[in-house]
Amino acid sequence: MMASGAAIVASKLLVARYENAVHNQDLFGDTAAADRPSDIRGPLNILLVGIDPRDATTAPLSDSIIVVHVPAGMDKAYLFSIPRDLLVDIPAFDKTGFRGGRSKINAAMSYGSSVGNGKHDVAQGFDLLARTVSQLTGIHDFDAGAIVNFGGFKKIVDAMDGVTMTIDQNVKSEHLQPDGKPRPRYARCADNTCAHPYYGPQATYKPGTYHLQGWQALDYVRQRYGLPNSDYDRQRHQQQFIKAMAQQALSKDVITNPGTLDKVLKAAGSALIFDGKGHSVVDWGFALKGIRSLNMTLIKMPGESLFDGRTYLGEGLKPSATDFFAAVGRDDIGNFLFDHPEYLNKAG
């Protein structure tokens, strides 16, 4: 959203043509907009959730949860990821009869998505996830939110003719071969009961700066198996990907090329379910026009694995995370990072 939103500034008339292409939907369970301000003013908190494509009969899981904090000056952005396996208290949700409980945070969408008859609504699931993130962080009211389809991200990158990003460690793909084709699966793992159901040659990504095709960029940021810090490394890669997309979207190859911009805007529209809390995606694009990729700070949330004996329960955040969330509430992340440089994703 940050990348496509910033690119929108190029031409309001052009973008207005695509506003209806973005799937706008109430993601926070609050359709009332009468008391919302007429202007988008900082500080702002935006909740971005990435999901794999699933049909309406499959409960969604939030594979990527990123909060974007925009300070009052509206000239920079801080991105921090919530670990998908973070063990949290998920609040009760009347719409599905969920009574609340302790579970991994990526299950919140699933608990909130059921609409009966075996059907699931990702927007309704987002509502419960947002409430869970609010309870965790103390951010009581998000200013906007978006569900991003990972398959749609690939389309955006392809529309931009690839994205240039720096790979900071050796990564082997669990899912794809070196030519981008899916790796074969063991027959006995067809029901997804195996941790590693694939075999054969693997696509490999080595440290350095590369111009990646859509399938390569998406494959790279999905990997966590075999990484020294598992999902924490993947969170960093996803943040780096968003920053690289923003830089690419604002490049002259996109902004000044009507044909490419046309393709990018169409792809962005098909990739998003957006809730601007009464403001359109065009309004948000203009409100965030002062943010550039160089002004995007990537933040890592320090955590650790939790066990009951030898049984893995999930992830837990270090105690200092409470102070970080308080700094978000005060719009004082800059000073917090000065005192806690270990929160900076320096590779970003």
Protein backbone atom coordinates (compact mmCIF):
# COMPACT_ATOMS: atom_id res chain seq x y z
CA MET A 1 0.00 0.00 0.00
CA MET A 2 2.87 2.39 0.83
CA ALA A 3 4.41 1.83 -2.59
CA SER A 4 1.26 2.09 -4.65
CA GLY A 5 -0.10 4.89 -2.46
CA ALA A 6 2.97 7.05 -2.99
CA ALA A 7 2.93 6.42 -6.74
CA ILE A 8 -0.65 7.67 -6.86
CA VAL A 9 0.61 11.24 -6.48
CA ALA A 10 1.82 11.24 -10.09
CA SER A 11 -1.60 12.09 -11.44
CA LYS A 12 -4.83 12.35 -9.47
CA LEU A 13 -6.92 12.23 -12.61
CA LEU A 14 -5.22 9.05 -13.74
CA VAL A 15 -5.53 7.38 -10.36
CA ALA A 16 -9.18 8.33 -9.95
CA ARG A 17 -9.84 6.07 -12.91
CA TYR A 18 -8.58 3.13 -10.87
CA GLU A 19 -10.10 3.98 -7.51
CA ASN A 20 -12.99 1.60 -8.08
CA ALA A 21 -10.53 -1.17 -8.98
CA VAL A 22 -9.39 -1.32 -5.36
CA HIS A 23 -11.70 -3.49 -3.30
CA ASN A 24 -12.87 -1.15 -0.52
CA GLN A 25 -14.46 -2.91 2.44
CA ASP A 26 -15.09 -2.36 6.14
CA LEU A 27 -12.21 -4.19 7.82
CA PHE A 28 -12.66 -2.90 11.36
CA GLY A 29 -16.33 -3.68 11.95
CA ASP A 30 -17.16 0.02 12.12
CA THR A 31 -19.02 1.49 9.17
CA ALA A 32 -19.74 4.85 10.86
CA ALA A 33 -17.53 7.58 9.42
CA ALA A 34 -19.45 10.69 10.46
CA ASP A 35 -17.10 11.54 13.35
CA ARG A 36 -13.90 11.05 11.36
CA PRO A 37 -11.76 14.09 10.45
CA SER A 38 -12.06 15.52 6.96
CA ASP A 39 -8.27 15.51 6.54
CA ILE A 40 -5.75 12.71 7.03
CA ARG A 41 -3.37 14.00 9.69
CA GLY A 42 -0.56 12.34 11.62
CA PRO A 43 0.32 10.60 13.72
CA LEU A 44 -1.17 7.60 11.94
CA ASN A 45 -1.14 3.84 12.41
CA ILE A 46 -1.88 1.54 9.48
CA LEU A 47 -2.33 -2.23 9.76
CA LEU A 48 -1.17 -4.31 6.79
CA VAL A 49 -1.89 -8.03 6.65
CA GLY A 50 -0.51 -10.41 4.05
CA ILE A 51 -2.32 -13.63 3.19
CA ASP A 52 -1.86 -16.44 0.69
CA PRO A 53 -4.68 -16.83 -1.83
CA ARG A 54 -7.43 -19.02 -0.38
CA ASP A 55 -11.00 -19.76 -1.39
CA ALA A 56 -14.03 -18.90 0.74
CA THR A 57 -14.19 -22.41 2.20
CA THR A 58 -10.73 -22.19 3.79
CA ALA A 59 -10.08 -20.29 7.01
CA PRO A 60 -7.50 -17.52 6.34
CA LEU A 61 -4.24 -17.17 8.25
CA SER A 62 -2.29 -13.93 8.50
CA ASP A 63 1.17 -14.93 7.29
CA SER A 64 2.48 -11.36 7.57
CA ILE A 65 1.38 -8.66 10.03
CA ILE A 66 3.00 -5.23 9.65
CA VAL A 67 2.13 -1.98 11.42
CA VAL A 68 3.12 1.27 9.71
CA HIS A 69 3.45 4.26 12.03
CA VAL A 70 3.52 7.69 10.38
CA PRO A 71 4.56 10.52 12.76
CA ALA A 72 2.76 13.84 13.00
CA GLY A 73 5.10 15.42 10.44
CA MET A 74 3.86 12.97 7.76
CA ASP A 75 7.35 12.84 6.21
CA LYS A 76 8.56 9.43 7.36
CA ALA A 77 7.31 5.97 8.28
CA TYR A 78 8.28 3.28 10.76
CA LEU A 79 7.49 -0.33 9.91
CA PHE A 80 7.41 -3.08 12.53
CA SER A 81 6.28 -6.67 12.15
CA ILE A 82 4.30 -8.76 14.60
CA PRO A 83 5.66 -12.35 14.66
CA ARG A 84 3.06 -14.69 13.13
CA ASP A 85 3.66 -17.25 15.89
CA LEU A 86 3.47 -14.73 18.74
CA LEU A 87 1.54 -16.25 21.64
CA VAL A 88 -1.16 -13.74 22.61
CA ASP A 89 -4.59 -13.43 24.19
CA ILE A 90 -7.16 -13.25 21.40
CA PRO A 91 -10.31 -11.42 22.56
CA ALA A 92 -13.82 -12.86 22.34
CA PHE A 93 -15.67 -12.23 19.07
CA ASP A 94 -19.46 -12.28 19.09
CA LYS A 95 -19.81 -12.55 15.30
CA THR A 96 -18.42 -16.09 15.30
CA GLY A 97 -19.13 -17.08 18.91
CA PHE A 98 -15.41 -17.28 19.65
CA ARG A 99 -15.04 -17.02 23.42
CA GLY A 100 -11.48 -15.77 23.42
CA GLY A 101 -8.34 -17.62 24.35
CA ARG A 102 -4.59 -17.83 24.15
CA SER A 103 -3.14 -18.81 20.79
CA LYS A 104 -0.70 -17.79 18.07
CA ILE A 105 -1.68 -14.42 16.66
CA ASN A 106 -1.91 -15.62 13.04
CA ALA A 107 -4.92 -17.74 14.08
CA ALA A 108 -6.98 -14.64 14.97
CA MET A 109 -8.14 -14.18 11.37
CA SER A 110 -9.28 -17.77 11.30
CA TYR A 111 -11.23 -17.48 14.56
CA GLY A 112 -12.93 -14.33 13.30
CA SER A 113 -13.65 -15.30 9.69
CA SER A 114 -16.46 -17.86 9.85
CA VAL A 115 -19.78 -16.68 8.36
CA GLY A 116 -21.56 -20.05 8.49
CA ASN A 117 -22.14 -22.90 6.05
CA GLY A 118 -18.42 -23.59 5.93
CA LYS A 119 -17.71 -20.16 4.41
CA HIS A 120 -15.11 -17.64 5.54
CA ASP A 121 -14.78 -13.87 5.10
CA VAL A 122 -11.23 -12.49 5.29
CA ALA A 123 -12.52 -8.98 6.02
CA GLN A 124 -14.42 -10.19 9.08
CA GLY A 125 -11.33 -12.15 10.14
CA PHE A 126 -9.26 -8.97 9.81
CA ASP A 127 -11.59 -7.32 12.35
CA LEU A 128 -10.66 -9.82 15.07
CA LEU A 129 -6.98 -9.68 14.13
CA ALA A 130 -7.04 -5.87 14.39
CA ARG A 131 -8.63 -6.12 17.84
CA THR A 132 -5.93 -8.58 18.86
CA VAL A 133 -3.11 -6.32 17.61
CA SER A 134 -4.76 -3.36 19.36
CA GLN A 135 -4.86 -5.28 22.63
CA LEU A 136 -1.19 -6.22 22.21
CA THR A 137 0.18 -2.83 21.17
CA GLY A 138 -2.17 -0.37 22.84
CA ILE A 139 -3.07 1.15 19.45
CA HIS A 140 -6.78 1.51 20.09
CA ASP A 141 -7.86 2.82 16.71
CA PHE A 142 -6.05 2.11 13.46
CA ASP A 143 -6.41 4.86 10.86
CA ALA A 144 -6.42 2.49 7.88
CA GLY A 145 -5.92 -1.14 7.04
CA ALA A 146 -5.32 -3.39 4.08
CA ILE A 147 -5.32 -7.07 3.28
CA VAL A 148 -2.62 -7.80 0.73
CA ASN A 149 -2.83 -10.91 -1.40
CA PHE A 150 0.68 -12.32 -1.86
CA GLY A 151 -0.22 -13.35 -5.40
CA GLY A 152 -1.17 -9.73 -6.05
CA PHE A 153 2.24 -8.57 -4.86
CA LYS A 154 3.78 -10.68 -7.60
CA LYS A 155 1.59 -8.92 -10.18
CA ILE A 156 2.70 -5.50 -8.92
CA VAL A 157 6.37 -6.42 -9.21
CA ASP A 158 5.85 -7.85 -12.68
CA ALA A 159 4.01 -4.68 -13.72
CA MET A 160 7.08 -2.68 -12.64
CA ASP A 161 9.29 -5.05 -14.65
CA GLY A 162 10.87 -6.36 -11.48
CA VAL A 163 12.19 -4.87 -8.27
CA THR A 164 15.77 -4.16 -7.17
CA MET A 165 16.50 -5.25 -3.62
CA THR A 166 19.43 -6.34 -1.49
CA ILE A 167 19.51 -9.94 -0.27
CA ASP A 168 21.30 -10.05 3.07
CA GLN A 169 21.80 -13.79 3.65
CA ASN A 170 21.80 -17.14 1.90
CA VAL A 171 18.23 -18.37 1.41
CA LYS A 172 17.03 -21.61 -0.15
CA SER A 173 13.46 -21.90 -1.37
CA GLU A 174 11.20 -24.48 0.24
CA HIS A 175 8.66 -24.09 -2.56
CA LEU A 176 10.28 -23.44 -5.94
CA GLN A 177 12.93 -24.83 -8.24
CA PRO A 178 15.68 -22.62 -9.76
CA ASP A 179 13.50 -21.99 -12.84
CA GLY A 180 10.53 -20.87 -10.74
CA LYS A 181 8.49 -24.04 -11.20
CA PRO A 182 6.97 -25.66 -8.07
CA ARG A 183 9.08 -28.30 -6.35
CA PRO A 184 7.55 -31.80 -6.36
CA ARG A 185 5.73 -32.94 -3.22
CA TYR A 186 5.95 -36.26 -1.45
CA ALA A 187 2.69 -38.16 -1.99
CA ARG A 188 2.32 -38.91 1.71
CA CYS A 189 2.45 -35.17 2.44
CA ALA A 190 -0.39 -34.18 0.12
CA ASP A 191 -2.57 -33.32 3.13
CA ASN A 192 0.04 -30.78 4.36
CA THR A 193 0.81 -32.82 7.49
CA CYS A 194 4.57 -32.79 6.82
CA ALA A 195 6.80 -29.91 7.88
CA HIS A 196 8.89 -30.24 4.71
CA PRO A 197 6.74 -31.89 2.02
CA TYR A 198 8.91 -30.89 -0.96
CA TYR A 199 11.96 -32.42 -2.61
CA GLY A 200 14.29 -31.75 -5.53
CA PRO A 201 16.39 -28.74 -6.66
CA GLN A 202 15.79 -25.46 -4.85
CA ALA A 203 15.88 -21.85 -5.98
CA THR A 204 18.74 -20.20 -4.10
CA TYR A 205 19.24 -16.54 -3.22
CA LYS A 206 22.74 -15.32 -2.33
CA PRO A 207 23.81 -12.06 -0.63
CA GLY A 208 24.02 -9.10 -2.97
CA THR A 209 21.85 -6.59 -4.81
CA TYR A 210 19.70 -8.02 -7.60
CA HIS A 211 16.85 -7.03 -9.88
CA LEU A 212 14.29 -9.71 -9.12
CA GLN A 213 11.32 -10.88 -11.12
CA GLY A 214 7.97 -11.07 -9.37
CA TRP A 215 8.15 -14.79 -8.60
CA GLN A 216 11.69 -14.44 -7.24
CA ALA A 217 10.86 -11.52 -4.93
CA LEU A 218 7.73 -13.20 -3.59
CA ASP A 219 9.49 -16.54 -3.13
CA TYR A 220 12.40 -14.92 -1.30
CA VAL A 221 10.25 -13.08 1.25
CA ARG A 222 8.13 -16.18 1.98
CA GLN A 223 11.02 -18.34 3.16
CA ARG A 224 11.73 -19.07 6.82
CA TYR A 225 12.81 -22.73 6.94
CA GLY A 226 16.58 -23.12 7.21
CA LEU A 227 17.14 -19.49 8.25
CA PRO A 228 19.14 -18.90 11.46
CA ASN A 229 16.34 -16.84 13.02
CA SER A 230 13.43 -18.43 11.14
CA ASP A 231 10.41 -16.09 11.01
CA TYR A 232 12.36 -13.14 12.43
CA ASP A 233 14.61 -13.22 9.36
CA ARG A 234 11.55 -13.52 7.14
CA GLN A 235 9.95 -10.49 8.80
CA ARG A 236 13.05 -8.45 7.98
CA HIS A 237 13.00 -9.62 4.37
CA GLN A 238 9.31 -8.68 4.02
CA GLN A 239 10.00 -5.18 5.36
CA GLN A 240 12.95 -4.81 2.98
CA PHE A 241 10.68 -5.91 0.14
CA ILE A 242 8.10 -3.22 0.93
CA LYS A 243 10.82 -0.58 1.06
CA ALA A 244 12.28 -1.77 -2.25
CA MET A 245 8.81 -1.70 -3.85
CA ALA A 246 8.31 1.87 -2.66
CA GLN A 247 11.63 2.92 -4.17
CA GLN A 248 10.84 1.17 -7.45
CA ALA A 249 7.32 2.62 -7.63
CA LEU A 250 8.70 6.15 -7.22
CA SER A 251 11.41 5.70 -9.82
CA LYS A 252 11.29 7.54 -13.13
CA ASP A 253 10.79 4.21 -14.90
CA VAL A 254 7.33 3.98 -13.27
CA ILE A 255 6.20 7.52 -12.44
CA THR A 256 6.98 9.04 -15.84
CA ASN A 257 5.94 6.04 -17.93
CA PRO A 258 2.15 6.12 -18.42
CA GLY A 259 2.01 2.54 -19.71
CA THR A 260 3.94 1.11 -16.75
CA LEU A 261 2.05 3.26 -14.25
CA ASP A 262 -1.20 2.06 -15.77
CA LYS A 263 -0.17 -1.58 -15.25
CA VAL A 264 1.07 -0.97 -11.71
CA LEU A 265 -2.15 0.75 -10.61
CA LYS A 266 -4.28 -2.02 -12.06
CA ALA A 267 -2.17 -4.67 -10.34
CA ALA A 268 -2.28 -2.79 -7.02
CA GLY A 269 -6.05 -2.59 -7.24
CA SER A 270 -6.41 -6.34 -7.70
CA ALA A 271 -3.98 -7.06 -4.83
CA LEU A 272 -5.71 -5.08 -2.08
CA ILE A 273 -8.74 -5.06 0.14
CA PHE A 274 -8.59 -1.57 1.60
CA ASP A 275 -10.28 0.33 4.43
CA GLY A 276 -9.29 3.99 4.60
CA LYS A 277 -11.71 4.78 7.43
CA GLY A 278 -13.84 7.03 5.24
CA HIS A 279 -10.98 8.20 3.01
CA SER A 280 -10.29 6.83 -0.46
CA VAL A 281 -7.02 5.27 -1.57
CA VAL A 282 -6.46 8.43 -3.66
CA ASP A 283 -6.81 10.57 -0.52
CA TRP A 284 -4.29 8.37 1.25
CA GLY A 285 -1.90 8.53 -1.68
CA PHE A 286 -1.83 12.32 -1.52
CA ALA A 287 -1.62 12.37 2.28
CA LEU A 288 1.50 10.16 2.20
CA LYS A 289 3.16 11.96 -0.72
CA GLY A 290 6.01 13.22 1.48
CA ILE A 291 7.24 9.75 2.37
CA ARG A 292 10.10 8.27 0.36
CA SER A 293 11.84 4.95 0.74
CA LEU A 294 14.86 6.63 2.35
CA ASN A 295 12.53 7.88 5.09
CA MET A 296 11.19 4.41 5.88
CA THR A 297 12.73 2.89 9.01
CA LEU A 298 12.51 -0.89 9.46
CA ILE A 299 12.11 -2.15 13.02
CA LYS A 300 12.62 -5.63 14.43
CA MET A 301 10.69 -6.79 17.48
CA PRO A 302 13.04 -8.85 19.69
CA GLY A 303 11.48 -12.12 20.73
CA GLU A 304 12.18 -15.64 21.91
CA SER A 305 10.65 -19.10 21.61
CA LEU A 306 8.39 -20.28 24.42
CA PHE A 307 8.24 -23.92 25.55
CA ASP A 308 6.27 -26.05 27.98
CA GLY A 309 8.88 -28.66 28.64
CA ARG A 310 9.82 -29.75 25.11
CA THR A 311 6.55 -28.59 23.57
CA TYR A 312 6.84 -25.45 21.47
CA LEU A 313 4.09 -22.97 22.37
CA GLY A 314 4.95 -20.01 20.15
CA GLU A 315 6.95 -16.80 20.36
CA GLY A 316 7.11 -14.19 23.09
CA LEU A 317 8.35 -10.59 22.94
CA LYS A 318 11.11 -9.28 25.18
CA PRO A 319 9.99 -7.00 28.06
CA SER A 320 11.31 -3.89 26.29
CA ALA A 321 8.53 -4.30 23.71
CA THR A 322 6.17 -2.74 26.26
CA ASP A 323 8.28 0.43 26.21
CA PHE A 324 8.36 0.37 22.40
CA PHE A 325 4.57 0.19 22.15
CA ALA A 326 4.33 3.07 24.63
CA ALA A 327 6.65 5.09 22.36
CA VAL A 328 4.35 4.36 19.42
CA GLY A 329 1.44 5.74 21.45
CA ARG A 330 3.42 8.89 22.29
CA ASP A 331 4.60 9.29 18.66
CA ASP A 332 8.13 9.14 20.00
CA ILE A 333 9.67 6.16 18.17
CA GLY A 334 12.73 8.16 17.10
CA ASN A 335 13.87 8.77 20.68
CA PHE A 336 13.13 5.16 21.61
CA LEU A 337 15.35 3.90 18.77
CA PHE A 338 18.13 6.25 19.89
CA ASP A 339 18.08 4.53 23.29
CA HIS A 340 17.43 1.04 21.83
CA PRO A 341 19.43 0.71 18.59
CA GLU A 342 18.98 -3.06 18.75
CA TYR A 343 15.44 -2.51 17.42
CA LEU A 344 16.75 -1.22 14.10
CA ASN A 345 16.83 -3.58 11.16
CA LYS A 346 20.20 -2.26 10.01
CA ALA A 347 20.18 -4.34 6.83
CA GLY A 348 17.13 -2.34 5.73
